[in-house]
Amino acid sequence: MRSAFFCLPRFPFVSFLMAVAFALLQMHAPANANSKYAAIVIDASTGKVLHSSAADAPRYPASLTKMMTLYMVFEALDDKRISKKSRIRISKHAASQPPSKLGIKPGRSITVENAIYALVTKSANDVAAAVGEFLGGSESGFARMMTAKAHQLGMRSTTFQNASGLPNSRQVTSARDMATLGLALREHFPHYYKYFSTRSFAYGKRRYGNHNRLLGRVSGVDGIKTGYTRASGYNLVTSATKGKRRIVAVVMGGRSGKSRNAAMTALIGKYLPRASKRSRGPLLAARKGGATVAVASLPTAKEAPVPEPRPVKLATASAYVPTPKARVPEEAIEKAVDPVKTGATAKDDRLKPKPSGWVVQVASLPSESEALEFMDRTKRKAGPALASATGFTETFEKNGTVYHRVRFAGFGSKDRAWKACSTLKRRDIACYAVAR
């Protein structure tokens, strides 16, 4: 891997201290100050967790998803299934993706290497969808491959539904899983990792800057990826190196890009100096001559929430056989719709949020999966009436059968809830409003 380029922050030292202080205040603020916040810092030499805050709570990955999209690209390159000069065709589906995008017209194509640059810098959704179709036959098929790969790497709280990270209530992850993916990219593909430090990318007549504003501004930062949707907040996975010390850090759910960057800067400043100078060797299995070779002296499970050995890959994209999908608890998915910072462990993730005030109920169904599917369909069909509402499910028992209420919260008053319900009824969606 190319050695990191170190530089002093460009902004004044006083401003840097203020940013750090601000970030630390945010990190230690009461939970209700930012319910979406989650963070983790891992020593990349030992696997030891240096800092953790709601690291196992379900969160939306947003464009951090593209880290896995790139993992799949790098793997295909190593397997000689594709080359950097291979051309990826842009379909109508890919071209129709909302920004951020390159805006390539349907029928045209982009090289694999330019696609890598576009994903790393511009975070182009049209290119991500095209990559999914290129490697998986369809974006949905590619998402299943991504999910299977995530579970093989030990990312058992992660499910992908698309290649870009565009909003989808079923696309969930955790800060710990994103750190695992960051470690996997560093260790499995050190020869491609340099792409993540790209400052800008020229395509056509335009030049696109990297969304990761810490590159070149914070000493030691050499990647990896940013992400944002309204539901996720501002996310960032960062790798930082100083001498023999290396960390991978994750911040999710920032209120703004500025506050997220300040929080990450604070974490790097505090924990990079605490990382070990002594490496225990690779945290993952090494590859020699195409074979997977086990590595001894791995950290204990308590110390190392790190990826499992790099899975053996099959010869062609069509030959991928996904492993059985680890079931993401429906309650965890529901919680991800409106994440709550509880500091809970993975075992506590089945605890549901308890919205208060007026809610709108649209159904009661005997199956959790049916309830969630109905919730998604209803929100799409409802349009503006539920645009700012938060969907959730709630169980109750009747005559020995458990049912799952499908409800939406966030109306603020009885009048607003009933007004929303009236709008839903005009769209042939049965409902009623109730206080809870």
Protein backbone atom coordinates (compact mmCIF):
# COMPACT_ATOMS: atom_id res chain seq x y z
CA MET A 1 0.00 0.00 0.00
CA ARG A 2 1.24 3.43 -0.88
CA SER A 3 2.61 5.22 2.15
CA ALA A 4 0.33 7.93 3.52
CA PHE A 5 1.09 11.58 2.84
CA PHE A 6 1.07 13.53 6.06
CA CYS A 7 0.34 17.21 6.29
CA LEU A 8 -0.58 19.67 8.97
CA PRO A 9 -4.16 20.98 9.06
CA ARG A 10 -4.61 23.98 6.83
CA PHE A 11 -6.96 25.76 9.15
CA PRO A 12 -5.59 27.73 12.14
CA PHE A 13 -4.67 25.79 15.22
CA VAL A 14 -7.17 27.68 17.38
CA SER A 15 -9.98 26.76 15.02
CA PHE A 16 -8.80 23.17 15.16
CA LEU A 17 -9.01 23.15 18.96
CA MET A 18 -12.47 24.69 18.82
CA ALA A 19 -13.59 22.04 16.36
CA VAL A 20 -12.25 19.29 18.60
CA ALA A 21 -13.91 20.76 21.66
CA PHE A 22 -17.20 21.10 19.80
CA ALA A 23 -17.02 17.51 18.60
CA LEU A 24 -16.26 16.18 22.06
CA LEU A 25 -19.23 18.07 23.47
CA GLN A 26 -21.42 16.52 20.80
CA MET A 27 -20.11 13.03 21.47
CA HIS A 28 -20.88 13.30 25.18
CA ALA A 29 -24.18 15.15 24.79
CA PRO A 30 -27.38 13.54 26.06
CA ALA A 31 -28.77 10.82 23.82
CA ASN A 32 -31.77 12.89 22.77
CA ALA A 33 -29.45 15.56 21.39
CA ASN A 34 -28.72 13.38 18.36
CA SER A 35 -30.46 10.02 18.25
CA LYS A 36 -28.74 8.99 15.00
CA TYR A 37 -25.16 9.31 16.27
CA ALA A 38 -22.93 6.23 16.32
CA ALA A 39 -19.16 5.87 16.28
CA ILE A 40 -16.31 3.41 16.63
CA VAL A 41 -12.51 3.58 16.45
CA ILE A 42 -10.47 0.40 15.87
CA ASP A 43 -6.71 -0.04 16.09
CA ALA A 44 -5.94 -1.38 12.60
CA SER A 45 -2.77 -3.10 13.86
CA THR A 46 -4.33 -5.09 16.71
CA GLY A 47 -8.08 -5.01 16.18
CA LYS A 48 -8.61 -3.45 19.61
CA VAL A 49 -11.65 -1.19 19.98
CA LEU A 50 -10.38 2.18 21.19
CA HIS A 51 -13.75 3.96 21.25
CA SER A 52 -17.36 2.87 20.82
CA SER A 53 -20.71 4.67 20.95
CA ALA A 54 -23.87 2.87 19.80
CA ALA A 55 -21.57 0.93 17.46
CA ASP A 56 -23.98 -1.99 17.06
CA ALA A 57 -27.18 0.02 16.71
CA PRO A 58 -28.82 -0.24 13.26
CA ARG A 59 -28.11 2.69 10.96
CA TYR A 60 -28.53 3.57 7.30
CA PRO A 61 -25.22 3.34 5.39
CA ALA A 62 -26.11 5.91 2.68
CA SER A 63 -23.16 6.19 0.27
CA LEU A 64 -20.91 4.18 2.57
CA THR A 65 -22.62 1.40 0.60
CA LYS A 66 -20.24 2.17 -2.25
CA MET A 67 -17.37 0.82 -0.15
CA MET A 68 -18.86 -2.64 -0.65
CA THR A 69 -19.55 -1.89 -4.33
CA LEU A 70 -15.85 -1.08 -4.68
CA TYR A 71 -14.86 -4.19 -2.71
CA MET A 72 -16.71 -6.27 -5.31
CA VAL A 73 -15.00 -4.39 -8.15
CA PHE A 74 -11.55 -4.92 -6.63
CA GLU A 75 -12.30 -8.59 -6.14
CA ALA A 76 -13.35 -8.97 -9.77
CA LEU A 77 -10.13 -7.23 -10.85
CA ASP A 78 -8.00 -9.57 -8.76
CA ASP A 79 -9.83 -12.57 -10.22
CA LYS A 80 -9.12 -11.33 -13.76
CA ARG A 81 -12.84 -11.39 -14.55
CA ILE A 82 -12.54 -7.74 -15.55
CA SER A 83 -9.74 -5.28 -16.19
CA LYS A 84 -9.38 -1.58 -15.50
CA LYS A 85 -10.06 -0.99 -19.20
CA SER A 86 -13.27 -3.06 -19.29
CA ARG A 87 -16.23 -0.92 -20.25
CA ILE A 88 -19.40 -0.66 -18.18
CA ARG A 89 -22.55 0.14 -20.13
CA ILE A 90 -24.98 2.69 -18.69
CA SER A 91 -28.54 1.39 -18.84
CA LYS A 92 -31.76 3.42 -18.64
CA HIS A 93 -32.11 2.27 -15.06
CA ALA A 94 -28.61 3.43 -14.15
CA ALA A 95 -29.01 6.76 -15.94
CA SER A 96 -32.28 7.42 -14.11
CA GLN A 97 -30.68 7.40 -10.65
CA PRO A 98 -30.95 10.69 -8.76
CA PRO A 99 -27.86 12.81 -7.99
CA SER A 100 -25.10 12.69 -7.06
CA LYS A 101 -24.25 11.35 -10.55
CA LEU A 102 -22.04 11.84 -13.60
CA GLY A 103 -25.06 12.13 -15.88
CA ILE A 104 -23.89 9.63 -18.50
CA LYS A 105 -26.55 9.00 -21.15
CA PRO A 106 -28.10 5.53 -21.59
CA GLY A 107 -26.22 3.38 -24.04
CA ARG A 108 -22.86 4.98 -23.38
CA SER A 109 -20.16 3.40 -21.27
CA ILE A 110 -17.39 4.12 -18.78
CA THR A 111 -14.19 2.22 -18.05
CA VAL A 112 -13.86 0.27 -14.82
CA GLU A 113 -11.06 2.55 -13.62
CA ASN A 114 -13.07 5.70 -14.28
CA ALA A 115 -15.99 4.06 -12.48
CA ILE A 116 -13.75 3.52 -9.45
CA TYR A 117 -12.74 7.18 -9.46
CA ALA A 118 -16.37 8.27 -9.89
CA LEU A 119 -17.47 6.21 -6.89
CA VAL A 120 -14.60 7.35 -4.66
CA THR A 121 -14.83 11.09 -5.44
CA LYS A 122 -18.20 12.07 -6.90
CA SER A 123 -20.03 9.16 -5.22
CA ALA A 124 -21.94 8.79 -8.47
CA ASN A 125 -25.20 6.88 -8.08
CA ASP A 126 -25.63 6.25 -11.81
CA VAL A 127 -22.20 4.64 -11.97
CA ALA A 128 -22.91 2.53 -8.85
CA ALA A 129 -26.10 1.14 -10.41
CA ALA A 130 -24.26 0.41 -13.67
CA VAL A 131 -21.50 -1.41 -11.78
CA GLY A 132 -24.17 -3.50 -10.06
CA GLU A 133 -25.68 -4.49 -13.39
CA PHE A 134 -22.24 -5.14 -14.85
CA LEU A 135 -21.11 -7.51 -12.10
CA GLY A 136 -24.43 -8.94 -10.95
CA GLY A 137 -26.67 -8.95 -14.02
CA SER A 138 -29.08 -6.61 -12.25
CA GLU A 139 -28.71 -4.14 -9.41
CA SER A 140 -30.97 -6.21 -7.17
CA GLY A 141 -28.95 -9.35 -7.94
CA PHE A 142 -25.77 -7.46 -7.17
CA ALA A 143 -27.24 -6.27 -3.87
CA ARG A 144 -27.79 -9.90 -2.88
CA MET A 145 -24.16 -10.63 -3.76
CA MET A 146 -23.08 -7.62 -1.67
CA THR A 147 -25.12 -8.84 1.29
CA ALA A 148 -23.69 -12.35 1.02
CA LYS A 149 -20.16 -10.93 0.88
CA ALA A 150 -20.84 -8.69 3.88
CA HIS A 151 -21.98 -11.67 5.93
CA GLN A 152 -18.91 -13.66 4.87
CA LEU A 153 -16.75 -10.80 6.12
CA GLY A 154 -18.50 -10.87 9.48
CA MET A 155 -20.82 -7.90 8.83
CA ARG A 156 -23.87 -9.70 10.17
CA SER A 157 -25.90 -6.56 10.90
CA THR A 158 -25.73 -5.41 7.27
CA THR A 159 -28.22 -5.90 4.44
CA PHE A 160 -27.88 -4.21 1.06
CA GLN A 161 -30.74 -3.47 -1.33
CA ASN A 162 -28.88 -1.38 -3.90
CA ALA A 163 -25.35 -0.55 -5.00
CA SER A 164 -25.43 3.18 -4.28
CA GLY A 165 -26.87 3.75 -0.81
CA LEU A 166 -29.92 5.62 -2.04
CA PRO A 167 -32.74 5.55 0.56
CA ASN A 168 -34.22 2.12 1.27
CA SER A 169 -35.68 1.18 4.66
CA ARG A 170 -34.28 -2.36 4.34
CA GLN A 171 -30.70 -1.24 3.68
CA VAL A 172 -29.18 -1.25 7.16
CA THR A 173 -25.78 -1.60 8.78
CA SER A 174 -23.91 -0.54 11.93
CA ALA A 175 -20.84 1.53 12.70
CA ARG A 176 -19.01 -1.66 13.68
CA ASP A 177 -19.83 -3.31 10.35
CA MET A 178 -18.62 -0.28 8.41
CA ALA A 179 -15.35 -0.35 10.35
CA THR A 180 -15.06 -4.05 9.49
CA LEU A 181 -15.49 -3.18 5.81
CA GLY A 182 -12.88 -0.43 6.08
CA LEU A 183 -10.41 -2.91 7.56
CA ALA A 184 -11.23 -5.44 4.84
CA LEU A 185 -10.54 -2.93 2.08
CA ARG A 186 -7.19 -2.01 3.63
CA GLU A 187 -6.02 -5.57 4.15
CA HIS A 188 -7.48 -7.38 1.16
CA PHE A 189 -6.72 -4.74 -1.45
CA PRO A 190 -3.71 -2.64 -0.41
CA HIS A 191 -2.81 -2.38 -4.11
CA TYR A 192 -6.12 -0.62 -4.84
CA TYR A 193 -6.48 1.26 -1.57
CA LYS A 194 -4.69 4.30 -3.02
CA TYR A 195 -7.87 5.13 -4.94
CA PHE A 196 -9.49 6.25 -1.67
CA SER A 197 -6.97 9.07 -1.27
CA THR A 198 -7.85 10.59 -4.68
CA ARG A 199 -8.46 14.33 -4.20
CA SER A 200 -10.18 14.97 -7.55
CA PHE A 201 -11.24 13.20 -10.74
CA ALA A 202 -11.56 14.62 -14.26
CA TYR A 203 -14.23 13.17 -16.53
CA GLY A 204 -15.29 14.75 -19.78
CA LYS A 205 -15.04 18.49 -19.41
CA ARG A 206 -15.54 18.52 -15.65
CA ARG A 207 -13.43 17.87 -12.58
CA TYR A 208 -15.00 16.41 -9.46
CA GLY A 209 -13.56 16.88 -5.96
CA ASN A 210 -13.60 14.23 -3.25
CA HIS A 211 -16.46 14.64 -0.78
CA ASN A 212 -14.08 13.64 2.03
CA ARG A 213 -12.90 17.07 3.16
CA LEU A 214 -10.47 15.65 5.71
CA LEU A 215 -8.11 14.50 2.97
CA GLY A 216 -5.17 16.88 2.96
CA ARG A 217 -6.55 18.79 5.95
CA VAL A 218 -6.08 16.42 8.87
CA SER A 219 -2.71 14.81 9.37
CA GLY A 220 -2.58 11.11 8.55
CA VAL A 221 -5.98 10.76 6.85
CA ASP A 222 -5.74 8.61 3.70
CA GLY A 223 -9.42 7.70 2.95
CA ILE A 224 -12.08 6.24 2.95
CA LYS A 225 -15.71 7.36 2.20
CA THR A 226 -18.49 9.78 3.07
CA GLY A 227 -22.26 9.29 2.93
CA TYR A 228 -25.46 11.23 3.47
CA THR A 229 -29.21 10.86 3.21
CA ARG A 230 -31.84 12.65 5.26
CA ALA A 231 -32.60 9.46 7.17
CA SER A 232 -28.96 8.53 7.84
CA GLY A 233 -27.48 11.91 8.63
CA TYR A 234 -23.85 12.60 7.70
CA ASN A 235 -21.62 9.50 7.74
CA LEU A 236 -17.87 9.06 7.38
CA VAL A 237 -15.47 6.12 7.47
CA THR A 238 -11.86 7.25 7.81
CA SER A 239 -8.49 5.54 7.79
CA ALA A 240 -5.58 7.37 9.39
CA THR A 241 -1.91 6.48 9.74
CA LYS A 242 0.97 8.10 11.59
CA GLY A 243 4.26 6.27 11.61
CA LYS A 244 3.47 2.72 12.69
CA ARG A 245 0.12 3.64 14.22
CA ARG A 246 -3.02 2.94 12.18
CA ILE A 247 -6.73 3.30 12.94
CA VAL A 248 -10.05 2.94 11.14
CA ALA A 249 -12.78 5.21 12.54
CA VAL A 250 -16.48 5.59 11.80
CA VAL A 251 -18.88 8.43 12.56
CA MET A 252 -22.52 8.05 11.57
CA GLY A 253 -25.55 10.28 11.93
CA GLY A 254 -23.89 13.69 12.03
CA ARG A 255 -26.23 16.68 11.93
CA SER A 256 -24.10 18.34 9.29
CA GLY A 257 -20.98 17.67 7.29
CA LYS A 258 -19.14 20.19 9.43
CA SER A 259 -20.09 18.62 12.76
CA ARG A 260 -19.38 15.13 11.42
CA ASN A 261 -15.92 16.23 10.27
CA ALA A 262 -15.28 17.89 13.61
CA ALA A 263 -16.27 14.70 15.46
CA MET A 264 -14.00 12.60 13.26
CA THR A 265 -11.12 15.07 13.67
CA ALA A 266 -11.53 14.80 17.44
CA LEU A 267 -11.53 11.01 17.36
CA ILE A 268 -8.41 10.89 15.22
CA GLY A 269 -6.63 13.43 17.41
CA LYS A 270 -7.50 11.50 20.56
CA TYR A 271 -7.10 7.87 19.52
CA LEU A 272 -4.46 7.74 16.76
CA PRO A 273 -1.69 8.51 19.31
CA ARG A 274 -3.06 5.66 21.46
CA ALA A 275 -2.90 3.04 18.70
CA SER A 276 -0.25 0.36 18.98
CA LYS A 277 3.06 0.66 17.13
CA ARG A 278 3.31 -3.11 17.09
CA SER A 279 1.32 -5.06 14.58
CA ARG A 280 0.05 -8.52 15.43
CA GLY A 281 0.20 -9.30 11.74
CA PRO A 282 -2.77 -9.29 9.38
CA LEU A 283 -6.12 -9.24 11.12
CA LEU A 284 -7.56 -11.22 8.22
CA ALA A 285 -6.40 -14.21 6.25
CA ALA A 286 -3.70 -13.52 3.67
CA ARG A 287 -3.84 -14.69 0.07
CA LYS A 288 -0.89 -16.44 -1.54
CA GLY A 289 -1.06 -17.77 -5.07
CA GLY A 290 -4.84 -17.59 -5.07
CA ALA A 291 -5.19 -19.69 -1.90
CA THR A 292 -6.45 -18.51 1.45
CA VAL A 293 -3.86 -18.97 4.18
CA ALA A 294 -4.92 -18.84 7.81
CA VAL A 295 -3.17 -16.36 10.05
CA ALA A 296 -2.30 -17.16 13.64
CA SER A 297 -2.28 -14.81 16.63
CA LEU A 298 -5.55 -13.10 15.79
CA PRO A 299 -6.88 -10.88 18.58
CA THR A 300 -9.60 -12.28 20.77
CA ALA A 301 -13.21 -11.80 19.78
CA LYS A 302 -13.64 -9.20 22.49
CA GLU A 303 -10.79 -7.13 21.18
CA ALA A 304 -11.34 -7.62 17.49
CA PRO A 305 -14.69 -7.06 15.75
CA VAL A 306 -12.78 -7.56 12.53
CA PRO A 307 -13.56 -9.24 9.20
CA GLU A 308 -13.41 -12.96 8.79
CA PRO A 309 -10.88 -14.38 6.33
CA ARG A 310 -11.35 -13.13 2.80
CA PRO A 311 -13.82 -15.57 1.21
CA VAL A 312 -12.77 -17.77 -1.67
CA LYS A 313 -14.30 -16.38 -4.87
CA LEU A 314 -15.74 -18.23 -7.83
CA ALA A 315 -14.71 -17.77 -11.42
CA THR A 316 -17.62 -15.77 -12.83
CA ALA A 317 -20.15 -13.31 -11.53
CA SER A 318 -23.00 -15.65 -12.44
CA ALA A 319 -21.35 -18.40 -10.38
CA TYR A 320 -21.62 -16.56 -7.08
CA VAL A 321 -23.65 -18.55 -4.61
CA PRO A 322 -24.86 -16.29 -1.81
CA THR A 323 -24.58 -17.70 1.68
CA PRO A 324 -27.83 -17.94 3.64
CA LYS A 325 -28.84 -14.42 4.59
CA ALA A 326 -28.41 -13.65 8.25
CA ARG A 327 -31.83 -12.59 9.42
CA VAL A 328 -31.97 -8.96 10.41
CA PRO A 329 -34.61 -8.76 13.15
CA GLU A 330 -37.66 -6.88 11.93
CA GLU A 331 -37.52 -4.87 15.13
CA ALA A 332 -33.98 -3.85 14.26
CA ILE A 333 -35.09 -2.75 10.80
CA GLU A 334 -37.96 -0.82 12.36
CA LYS A 335 -35.54 0.80 14.77
CA ALA A 336 -33.33 1.74 11.83
CA VAL A 337 -36.20 3.74 10.35
CA ASP A 338 -35.85 6.07 13.29
CA PRO A 339 -32.60 5.08 15.05
CA VAL A 340 -32.40 5.64 18.78
CA LYS A 341 -29.05 6.12 20.47
CA THR A 342 -29.31 3.72 23.36
CA GLY A 343 -25.75 2.48 23.54
CA ALA A 344 -27.31 -0.97 23.34
CA THR A 345 -25.39 -4.04 22.39
CA ALA A 346 -26.45 -6.30 19.53
CA LYS A 347 -28.50 -8.36 22.00
CA ASP A 348 -30.46 -5.24 22.95
CA ASP A 349 -31.30 -4.22 19.38
CA ARG A 350 -34.71 -5.89 19.55
CA LEU A 351 -35.86 -3.17 21.95
CA LYS A 352 -38.24 -0.99 19.97
CA PRO A 353 -38.46 2.77 20.02
CA LYS A 354 -41.57 4.10 21.74
CA PRO A 355 -42.88 7.12 19.80
CA SER A 356 -45.18 9.30 21.86
CA GLY A 357 -47.99 11.61 20.82
CA TRP A 358 -50.42 11.13 17.94
CA VAL A 359 -49.80 8.39 15.40
CA VAL A 360 -51.65 7.12 12.32
CA GLN A 361 -52.35 3.39 12.06
CA VAL A 362 -52.89 1.84 8.63
CA ALA A 363 -52.92 -1.93 9.23
CA SER A 364 -52.53 -4.87 11.62
CA LEU A 365 -50.90 -7.95 10.12
CA PRO A 366 -49.84 -11.35 11.53
CA SER A 367 -46.39 -11.28 9.85
CA GLU A 368 -43.52 -8.89 10.61
CA SER A 369 -42.23 -9.02 7.04
CA GLU A 370 -45.70 -8.35 5.62
CA ALA A 371 -46.12 -5.44 8.03
CA LEU A 372 -42.83 -3.86 6.93
CA GLU A 373 -43.63 -4.38 3.25
CA PHE A 374 -47.05 -2.80 3.79
CA MET A 375 -45.40 0.12 5.60
CA ASP A 376 -43.06 0.73 2.66
CA ARG A 377 -45.85 0.50 0.08
CA THR A 378 -48.07 2.82 2.09
CA LYS A 379 -45.41 5.49 2.43
CA ARG A 380 -44.69 5.39 -1.30
CA LYS A 381 -48.39 5.56 -2.18
CA ALA A 382 -49.12 8.29 0.38
CA GLY A 383 -46.63 10.78 -1.04
CA PRO A 384 -46.52 14.14 0.80
CA ALA A 385 -49.00 13.02 3.46
CA LEU A 386 -46.35 10.79 5.08
CA ALA A 387 -43.20 12.40 3.68
CA SER A 388 -41.99 13.58 7.10
CA ALA A 389 -43.55 10.75 9.13
CA THR A 390 -41.63 7.89 10.71
CA GLY A 391 -42.92 4.38 10.12
CA PHE A 392 -42.75 1.70 12.80
CA THR A 393 -44.44 -1.54 13.85
CA GLU A 394 -45.85 -2.45 17.23
CA THR A 395 -46.99 -5.88 18.38
CA PHE A 396 -50.08 -6.91 20.31
CA GLU A 397 -51.65 -10.28 21.09
CA LYS A 398 -55.26 -11.30 20.48
CA ASN A 399 -56.69 -14.78 21.09
CA GLY A 400 -53.18 -16.23 21.24
CA THR A 401 -52.05 -14.67 17.94
CA VAL A 402 -49.43 -11.94 17.72
CA TYR A 403 -50.25 -9.10 15.33
CA HIS A 404 -48.08 -6.25 14.08
CA ARG A 405 -49.60 -2.79 13.89
CA VAL A 406 -48.27 -0.61 11.06
CA ARG A 407 -48.08 2.97 12.32
CA PHE A 408 -46.61 6.34 11.42
CA ALA A 409 -45.48 8.93 13.97
CA GLY A 410 -44.32 12.53 13.90
CA PHE A 411 -47.50 14.60 13.47
CA GLY A 412 -47.24 16.77 16.55
CA SER A 413 -50.96 17.15 17.22
CA LYS A 414 -54.33 15.45 16.94
CA ASP A 415 -55.42 17.76 14.12
CA ARG A 416 -52.35 17.04 12.01
CA ALA A 417 -52.72 13.29 12.51
CA TRP A 418 -56.38 13.30 11.48
CA LYS A 419 -55.62 15.58 8.53
CA ALA A 420 -52.98 13.14 7.32
CA CYS A 421 -55.43 10.27 7.76
CA SER A 422 -58.05 12.11 5.71
CA THR A 423 -55.54 12.53 2.91
CA LEU A 424 -54.69 8.82 3.08
CA LYS A 425 -58.36 7.85 2.82
CA ARG A 426 -58.68 9.90 -0.37
CA ARG A 427 -55.88 7.66 -1.71
CA ASP A 428 -57.84 4.54 -0.68
CA ILE A 429 -55.62 3.87 2.34
CA ALA A 430 -57.67 2.88 5.38
CA CYS A 431 -56.43 4.44 8.62
CA TYR A 432 -57.25 6.05 11.92
CA ALA A 433 -55.38 8.38 14.28
CA VAL A 434 -54.70 7.51 17.90
CA ALA A 435 -52.72 8.95 20.81
CA ARG A 436 -50.15 6.71 22.49
